[in-house]
Protein backbone atom coordinates (compact mmCIF):
# COMPACT_ATOMS: atom_id res chain seq x y z
CA MET A 1 7.82 23.15 8.48
CA SER A 2 9.98 20.45 6.19
CA GLN A 3 10.62 21.52 3.07
CA ASP A 4 10.55 18.02 1.79
CA LEU A 5 7.17 16.69 2.65
CA PHE A 6 6.21 13.63 1.26
CA VAL A 7 2.35 14.21 0.69
CA SER A 8 1.04 17.46 0.34
CA VAL A 9 -2.92 17.95 0.16
CA LEU A 10 -4.64 19.66 -2.92
CA ILE A 11 -8.14 21.18 -2.79
CA PRO A 12 -10.11 23.94 -4.70
CA ALA A 13 -12.69 24.88 -3.13
CA LYS A 14 -15.98 27.39 -4.27
CA ASN A 15 -19.08 27.60 -1.78
CA GLU A 16 -17.91 25.01 0.59
CA ALA A 17 -17.77 26.44 3.49
CA SER A 18 -20.08 23.57 5.25
CA ASN A 19 -18.19 21.07 4.41
CA LEU A 20 -14.78 22.17 4.90
CA THR A 21 -14.78 21.78 8.30
CA LEU A 22 -15.43 18.27 8.88
CA LEU A 23 -12.95 17.33 5.38
CA LEU A 24 -10.16 18.98 7.19
CA GLU A 25 -10.46 16.63 10.50
CA GLU A 26 -10.87 13.45 8.58
CA ILE A 27 -7.57 14.53 6.56
CA ARG A 28 -5.28 14.57 9.10
CA ILE A 29 -7.12 12.08 11.54
CA ALA A 30 -6.27 9.92 8.01
CA LEU A 31 -2.75 11.08 7.84
CA ALA A 32 -1.74 11.12 11.78
CA ASP A 33 1.15 9.21 10.70
CA GLU A 34 2.68 11.05 7.36
CA ALA A 35 4.36 14.53 6.53
CA TYR A 36 2.38 16.54 5.36
CA GLU A 37 1.06 19.57 4.53
CA VAL A 38 -2.91 20.53 3.25
CA ILE A 39 -3.42 23.99 0.70
CA VAL A 40 -7.27 24.71 0.26
CA VAL A 41 -7.47 27.04 -2.39
CA ASP A 42 -10.39 29.21 -2.42
CA ASP A 43 -11.18 29.62 -5.97
CA GLY A 44 -13.43 33.16 -5.36
CA SER A 45 -15.92 31.93 -2.87
CA THR A 46 -19.45 34.44 -2.08
CA ASP A 47 -20.11 31.92 1.27
CA ALA A 48 -17.86 31.74 4.56
CA THR A 49 -15.41 29.45 3.15
CA LEU A 50 -12.68 31.78 3.50
CA GLN A 51 -14.23 32.00 7.29
CA ALA A 52 -13.82 29.11 7.81
CA LEU A 53 -11.01 27.85 6.60
CA ARG A 54 -9.56 30.43 9.12
CA ASN A 55 -10.66 29.05 12.10
CA THR A 56 -9.91 25.06 11.39
CA ARG A 57 -6.71 27.20 11.55
CA HIS A 58 -6.78 28.79 13.84
CA SER A 59 -8.05 25.73 15.98
CA GLY A 60 -5.40 24.29 15.52
CA LEU A 61 -4.77 22.73 11.96
CA SER A 62 -0.78 24.13 11.64
CA THR A 63 -0.31 21.77 8.37
CA LEU A 64 -3.46 24.12 6.54
CA ARG A 65 -2.51 26.59 4.04
CA ILE A 66 -4.82 28.89 1.89
CA LEU A 67 -4.80 30.41 -1.26
CA ARG A 68 -7.19 32.49 -2.57
CA HIS A 69 -8.75 33.78 -5.73
CA GLU A 70 -10.49 36.62 -5.62
CA ARG A 71 -12.54 35.81 -8.85
CA SER A 72 -13.37 32.36 -9.68
CA LEU A 73 -10.82 30.78 -11.85
CA GLY A 74 -12.17 27.24 -12.05
CA GLN A 75 -11.12 23.87 -10.33
CA SER A 76 -7.64 23.48 -12.66
CA THR A 77 -6.54 26.68 -11.88
CA SER A 78 -7.03 26.07 -8.23
CA LEU A 79 -5.03 22.86 -8.84
CA TYR A 80 -2.38 24.20 -10.61
CA HIS A 81 -1.34 27.13 -8.28
CA ALA A 82 -1.29 24.71 -5.13
CA ALA A 83 0.77 22.29 -6.85
CA LEU A 84 2.90 25.70 -7.71
CA ALA A 85 3.15 25.93 -3.53
CA ALA A 86 3.58 22.40 -2.93
CA ARG A 87 5.97 21.45 -1.02
CA GLY A 88 5.86 17.62 -0.78
CA GLN A 89 6.67 14.76 -3.73
CA TRP A 90 3.39 13.58 -4.32
CA LEU A 91 0.69 15.32 -4.52
CA ALA A 92 -2.81 13.92 -2.76
CA THR A 93 -6.32 15.94 -4.70
CA LEU A 94 -9.40 16.21 -2.93
CA ASP A 95 -12.75 17.78 -4.24
CA GLY A 96 -14.13 20.11 -1.54
CA ASP A 97 -17.44 18.66 -1.17
CA GLY A 98 -16.59 15.55 0.53
CA GLN A 99 -17.60 12.73 -1.30
CA ASN A 100 -13.85 12.32 -2.01
CA ASP A 101 -13.19 9.86 1.30
CA PRO A 102 -9.63 10.76 2.84
CA ALA A 103 -9.52 7.54 4.49
CA ASP A 104 -8.08 5.66 1.14
CA ILE A 105 -5.62 8.27 1.26
CA PRO A 106 -3.06 6.03 3.09
CA GLY A 107 -3.68 3.53 0.80
CA MET A 108 -2.71 5.07 -1.78
CA LEU A 109 0.45 6.62 -0.60
CA ALA A 110 1.38 2.56 0.43
CA LEU A 111 1.29 2.14 -3.12
CA VAL A 112 4.28 4.25 -4.39
CA ARG A 113 5.68 3.07 -1.33
CA SER A 114 5.56 -0.46 -2.63
CA GLU A 115 8.82 -1.65 -4.64
CA SER A 116 6.94 -3.07 -6.79
CA ALA A 117 5.12 -0.13 -8.25
CA THR A 118 7.83 2.69 -8.20
CA ALA A 119 9.32 1.99 -11.48
CA ASP A 120 8.55 5.03 -13.68
CA LEU A 121 5.06 5.45 -11.39
CA GLN A 122 3.23 9.32 -11.37
CA LEU A 123 -0.20 9.00 -10.72
CA VAL A 124 -2.13 6.40 -9.02
CA ALA A 125 -6.01 7.84 -10.25
CA GLY A 126 -8.81 6.68 -7.99
CA HIS A 127 -11.84 4.88 -9.17
CA ARG A 128 -14.80 5.57 -7.71
CA VAL A 129 -16.13 1.68 -7.33
CA ASN A 130 -20.16 2.59 -5.58
CA ARG A 131 -21.04 6.51 -7.06
CA ARG A 132 -23.33 8.42 -4.54
CA ASP A 133 -24.72 10.95 -7.07
CA THR A 134 -28.19 11.20 -8.75
CA ALA A 135 -29.16 8.92 -11.81
CA SER A 136 -29.03 10.89 -14.23
CA LYS A 137 -25.08 12.65 -13.41
CA ARG A 138 -23.93 8.88 -13.43
CA TRP A 139 -25.66 8.33 -17.22
CA ALA A 140 -23.75 11.47 -18.18
CA SER A 141 -20.41 10.65 -16.67
CA ARG A 142 -20.95 6.28 -18.01
CA PHE A 143 -21.59 7.98 -21.55
CA ALA A 144 -18.17 10.42 -21.51
CA ASN A 145 -15.81 7.94 -20.01
CA GLY A 146 -17.13 5.65 -22.45
CA ILE A 147 -16.22 7.95 -25.40
CA ARG A 148 -13.24 9.40 -23.59
CA ARG A 149 -11.80 6.03 -23.67
CA ARG A 150 -12.24 5.29 -27.25
CA MET A 151 -10.50 8.48 -28.10
CA LEU A 152 -7.83 9.32 -25.09
CA LYS A 153 -7.29 5.05 -25.48
CA ASP A 154 -6.32 6.22 -21.54
CA GLN A 155 -7.06 2.95 -20.05
CA THR A 156 -8.80 5.29 -17.13
CA PRO A 157 -12.34 3.44 -15.81
CA ASP A 158 -12.80 7.02 -13.90
CA THR A 159 -10.89 10.13 -15.21
CA GLY A 160 -14.02 12.62 -13.40
CA CYS A 161 -12.74 10.79 -9.97
CA GLY A 162 -11.93 14.01 -8.11
CA LEU A 163 -9.60 11.77 -5.71
CA LYS A 164 -5.99 11.07 -6.91
CA LEU A 165 -2.43 11.20 -6.00
CA ILE A 166 0.63 12.40 -8.18
CA GLN A 167 3.95 12.89 -8.32
CA ARG A 168 4.38 16.65 -8.47
CA ALA A 169 7.24 16.95 -10.57
CA ALA A 170 5.01 14.76 -13.44
CA PHE A 171 2.24 17.31 -12.75
CA LEU A 172 4.02 20.46 -13.54
CA ARG A 173 5.58 18.73 -16.65
CA LEU A 174 1.66 18.64 -17.72
CA PRO A 175 0.58 21.47 -20.08
CA TYR A 176 -1.96 23.66 -18.65
CA PHE A 177 -5.65 24.45 -19.64
CA ASP A 178 -8.46 25.26 -18.26
CA HIS A 179 -10.06 21.52 -17.11
CA MET A 180 -7.04 19.71 -17.97
CA HIS A 181 -7.57 18.34 -14.65
CA ARG A 182 -10.05 15.91 -15.70
CA TYR A 183 -7.33 14.61 -18.38
CA ILE A 184 -4.42 13.81 -15.95
CA PRO A 185 -4.37 9.98 -17.01
CA ALA A 186 -3.95 10.92 -20.35
CA LEU A 187 -1.85 13.95 -19.98
CA ILE A 188 0.39 11.45 -17.98
CA GLN A 189 0.10 8.82 -20.81
CA ARG A 190 1.56 10.93 -23.03
CA HIS A 191 4.31 11.69 -21.03
CA ASN A 192 5.49 8.36 -20.93
CA GLY A 193 4.60 8.37 -17.02
CA ARG A 194 3.08 4.88 -15.29
CA MET A 195 -0.32 5.44 -14.05
CA ILE A 196 -2.55 2.71 -11.87
CA THR A 197 -5.70 3.09 -10.50
CA HIS A 198 -7.24 1.76 -6.75
CA PRO A 199 -10.81 1.62 -5.91
CA VAL A 200 -11.96 4.41 -3.78
CA ASN A 201 -15.25 5.57 -1.95
CA HIS A 202 -17.37 7.94 -2.53
CA ARG A 203 -20.06 9.46 -0.22
CA SER A 204 -23.22 11.26 -1.17
CA ARG A 205 -23.04 15.41 -0.88
CA THR A 206 -24.57 17.04 2.73
CA ALA A 207 -24.50 20.17 1.96
CA GLY A 208 -24.17 22.71 -0.41
CA VAL A 209 -24.72 22.66 -4.37
CA SER A 210 -22.39 21.17 -7.16
CA LYS A 211 -20.80 23.65 -9.11
CA TYR A 212 -21.74 22.29 -12.59
CA GLY A 213 -24.71 20.27 -14.22
CA ASN A 214 -25.13 17.70 -16.99
CA ILE A 215 -25.28 19.96 -19.79
CA ASP A 216 -21.98 22.24 -18.93
CA ARG A 217 -19.49 19.73 -18.74
CA ALA A 218 -20.79 18.62 -22.38
CA LEU A 219 -20.74 21.18 -23.64
CA VAL A 220 -17.19 22.32 -22.03
CA GLY A 221 -16.30 18.29 -22.08
CA VAL A 222 -16.48 18.06 -25.81
CA LEU A 223 -14.06 20.94 -27.27
CA ASP A 224 -11.87 19.93 -24.27
CA LEU A 225 -11.94 16.31 -25.58
CA ILE A 226 -11.02 17.16 -28.97
CA GLY A 227 -7.95 19.37 -27.76
CA VAL A 228 -6.88 16.74 -25.84
CA TRP A 229 -6.90 14.19 -28.50
CA TRP A 230 -4.82 16.01 -31.17
CA LEU A 231 -2.52 17.08 -28.33
CA ILE A 232 -1.82 12.94 -28.00
CA ARG A 233 -1.28 12.65 -31.43
CA ARG A 234 0.58 15.37 -31.91
CA THR A 235 3.13 14.73 -29.19
CA ARG A 236 6.50 12.12 -29.56
CA LEU A 237 7.11 12.34 -26.11
CA ASN A 238 6.31 8.86 -24.78
CA THR A 239 10.27 7.25 -26.44
CA HIS A 240 13.02 8.02 -24.31
CA ALA A 241 16.43 9.03 -26.16
CA GLN A 242 18.94 6.66 -25.56
CA GLU A 243 22.75 7.87 -24.42
CA ILE A 244 25.72 6.15 -26.38
CA GLU A 245 29.03 5.79 -24.44
CA GLY A 246 32.25 5.69 -25.92
């Protein structure tokens, strides 16, 4: 396989055996004209996720690579390990539950390739324009997004969208911590990278269950938000050093 792929698709998955086969087929169709790879991280699944991935690879999806955690380490750690292993210049991140639509990836890649967008562009962040979640989950998301925007000023309407296109080198420069995937837009801007948002499709979950409840997200999010706010306030990386000639 080429060492100079344009895009690596990264999918953290925990107990998503019922969703992955269809999702991987959708990726194959969406990226038929691309040089790409797919890296799925089985994050300590206790169902048939690993077997489903092996079956899919054996059935002909040669672009699929499988990483596995013996125990669940979370979405951020899964994405980080996948990014380390990735060969692509850009990373397309997708949730393993099938709610993100791979058909949106080509449009995001086109933005990256357009001449008007390339200068300092490090992130295309998906924005779910028609959420297919429960009313309570949508309310909790709007509430959390409002607080986050006021504190971090990251100019992001939907940081919780799992569909993002991020420059691999830029991602690996970010500080790693658990749950950091929720703050990628703010962290990219902290490192002087440019971000644009892109409207994407959102679909209802057809199988399996969400791994986090609204209370879980809220309790974890408060501490994380304070930590990221502190980190951004302490940075001096949003300026450039000028080299003096002569």
